[in-house]
Amino acid sequence: MACRQAAALLSTRKSGGSAASRAGDIVDQVRAEMKQCKISQTKLGQQTLISQAVVSQWLNRCYGGHNVKVDAAMKQWIEARRQ
């Protein structure tokens, strides 16, 4: 199943307030910050010590690895940028 199809399927299964929707909120926050500050996926990966490939998959909501670890790194990155 393609990543976009999987993401679409996942989004139809989400319930408000679930872990999946909170992760989606993080993705949206990271995307907004990247757009506002013109930060590339490569630069984001360097700043969070996460590979560009994982960043790309995570942003497209189709990363099959340790999402909790990536979510935590991205939350920390967002919080550091807001200070």
C-alpha atoms as a PDB file:
ATOM      1  CA  MET A   1       0.000   0.000   0.000  1.00  0.00           C
ATOM      2  CA  ALA A   2       1.390   3.404  -0.925  1.00  0.00           C
ATOM      3  CA  CYS A   3       2.254   5.860   1.827  1.00  0.00           C
ATOM      4  CA  ARG A   4      -0.495   8.294   0.872  1.00  0.00           C
ATOM      5  CA  GLN A   5      -3.089   5.545   0.789  1.00  0.00           C
ATOM      6  CA  ALA A   6      -1.920   4.319   4.177  1.00  0.00           C
ATOM      7  CA  ALA A   7      -2.051   7.865   5.569  1.00  0.00           C
ATOM      8  CA  ALA A   8      -5.552   8.350   4.172  1.00  0.00           C
ATOM      9  CA  LEU A   9      -6.675   5.057   5.675  1.00  0.00           C
ATOM     10  CA  LEU A  10      -5.102   5.970   9.013  1.00  0.00           C
ATOM     11  CA  SER A  11      -6.749   9.394   9.028  1.00  0.00           C
ATOM     12  CA  THR A  12     -10.181   7.814   8.526  1.00  0.00           C
ATOM     13  CA  ARG A  13      -9.551   5.563  11.537  1.00  0.00           C
ATOM     14  CA  LYS A  14      -8.358   8.314  13.870  1.00  0.00           C
ATOM     15  CA  SER A  15     -10.500   9.421  16.735  1.00  0.00           C
ATOM     16  CA  GLY A  16     -10.165  12.846  18.293  1.00  0.00           C
ATOM     17  CA  GLY A  17      -7.532  12.972  21.018  1.00  0.00           C
ATOM     18  CA  SER A  18      -5.868   9.702  20.063  1.00  0.00           C
ATOM     19  CA  ALA A  19      -2.101   9.260  19.958  1.00  0.00           C
ATOM     20  CA  ALA A  20      -2.302   9.258  16.161  1.00  0.00           C
ATOM     21  CA  SER A  21      -4.022  12.636  16.044  1.00  0.00           C
ATOM     22  CA  ARG A  22      -1.548  14.121  18.521  1.00  0.00           C
ATOM     23  CA  ALA A  23       1.266  12.865  16.286  1.00  0.00           C
ATOM     24  CA  GLY A  24      -0.522  14.480  13.362  1.00  0.00           C
ATOM     25  CA  ASP A  25      -0.555  17.750  15.282  1.00  0.00           C
ATOM     26  CA  ILE A  26       3.212  17.487  15.719  1.00  0.00           C
ATOM     27  CA  VAL A  27       3.649  16.865  12.001  1.00  0.00           C
ATOM     28  CA  ASP A  28       1.529  19.925  11.232  1.00  0.00           C
ATOM     29  CA  GLN A  29       3.515  22.060  13.676  1.00  0.00           C
ATOM     30  CA  VAL A  30       6.836  20.918  12.221  1.00  0.00           C
ATOM     31  CA  ARG A  31       5.628  21.517   8.661  1.00  0.00           C
ATOM     32  CA  ALA A  32       4.458  25.026   9.592  1.00  0.00           C
ATOM     33  CA  GLU A  33       7.780  25.864  11.239  1.00  0.00           C
ATOM     34  CA  MET A  34       9.705  24.483   8.271  1.00  0.00           C
ATOM     35  CA  LYS A  35       7.639  26.559   5.861  1.00  0.00           C
ATOM     36  CA  GLN A  36       7.800  29.761   7.901  1.00  0.00           C
ATOM     37  CA  CYS A  37      11.571  29.544   8.431  1.00  0.00           C
ATOM     38  CA  LYS A  38      12.372  27.930   5.059  1.00  0.00           C
ATOM     39  CA  ILE A  39      13.977  24.876   6.657  1.00  0.00           C
ATOM     40  CA  SER A  40      14.622  21.878   4.410  1.00  0.00           C
ATOM     41  CA  GLN A  41      14.107  18.275   5.430  1.00  0.00           C
ATOM     42  CA  THR A  42      17.877  17.846   5.270  1.00  0.00           C
ATOM     43  CA  LYS A  43      18.448  20.759   7.665  1.00  0.00           C
ATOM     44  CA  LEU A  44      15.712  19.478   9.989  1.00  0.00           C
ATOM     45  CA  GLY A  45      17.354  16.067   9.999  1.00  0.00           C
ATOM     46  CA  GLN A  46      20.727  17.590  10.858  1.00  0.00           C
ATOM     47  CA  GLN A  47      19.226  19.607  13.705  1.00  0.00           C
ATOM     48  CA  THR A  48      17.320  16.637  15.171  1.00  0.00           C
ATOM     49  CA  LEU A  49      19.937  13.969  14.397  1.00  0.00           C
ATOM     50  CA  ILE A  50      17.381  12.058  12.331  1.00  0.00           C
ATOM     51  CA  SER A  51      18.094  11.013   8.750  1.00  0.00           C
ATOM     52  CA  GLN A  52      16.462  12.949   5.926  1.00  0.00           C
ATOM     53  CA  ALA A  53      14.794   9.738   4.738  1.00  0.00           C
ATOM     54  CA  VAL A  54      13.116   9.228   8.114  1.00  0.00           C
ATOM     55  CA  VAL A  55      12.135  12.912   8.270  1.00  0.00           C
ATOM     56  CA  SER A  56      10.505  12.596   4.841  1.00  0.00           C
ATOM     57  CA  GLN A  57       8.581   9.453   5.758  1.00  0.00           C
ATOM     58  CA  TRP A  58       7.534  10.908   9.114  1.00  0.00           C
ATOM     59  CA  LEU A  59       6.294  14.130   7.515  1.00  0.00           C
ATOM     60  CA  ASN A  60       4.257  12.046   5.079  1.00  0.00           C
ATOM     61  CA  ARG A  61       2.906   9.978   7.974  1.00  0.00           C
ATOM     62  CA  CYS A  62       4.182   6.708   6.561  1.00  0.00           C
ATOM     63  CA  TYR A  63       7.237   6.016   8.728  1.00  0.00           C
ATOM     64  CA  GLY A  64       7.129   2.439   9.941  1.00  0.00           C
ATOM     65  CA  GLY A  65       9.875   2.732  12.541  1.00  0.00           C
ATOM     66  CA  HIS A  66      10.050   4.167  16.045  1.00  0.00           C
ATOM     67  CA  ASN A  67       7.525   6.983  15.708  1.00  0.00           C
ATOM     68  CA  VAL A  68       7.614   7.704  19.439  1.00  0.00           C
ATOM     69  CA  LYS A  69      11.326   8.493  19.174  1.00  0.00           C
ATOM     70  CA  VAL A  70      10.827  10.754  16.151  1.00  0.00           C
ATOM     71  CA  ASP A  71       7.794  12.451  17.739  1.00  0.00           C
ATOM     72  CA  ALA A  72       9.859  13.199  20.861  1.00  0.00           C
ATOM     73  CA  ALA A  73      12.751  14.621  18.824  1.00  0.00           C
ATOM     74  CA  MET A  74      10.385  16.803  16.816  1.00  0.00           C
ATOM     75  CA  LYS A  75       8.579  18.035  19.941  1.00  0.00           C
ATOM     76  CA  GLN A  76      11.947  18.957  21.441  1.00  0.00           C
ATOM     77  CA  TRP A  77      12.951  20.753  18.215  1.00  0.00           C
ATOM     78  CA  ILE A  78       9.691  22.751  18.155  1.00  0.00           C
ATOM     79  CA  GLU A  79      10.017  23.685  21.843  1.00  0.00           C
ATOM     80  CA  ALA A  80      13.663  24.779  21.399  1.00  0.00           C
ATOM     81  CA  ARG A  81      12.732  26.990  18.461  1.00  0.00           C
ATOM     82  CA  ARG A  82       9.936  28.678  20.426  1.00  0.00           C
ATOM     83  CA  GLN A  83      12.213  29.709  23.306  1.00  0.00           C
END
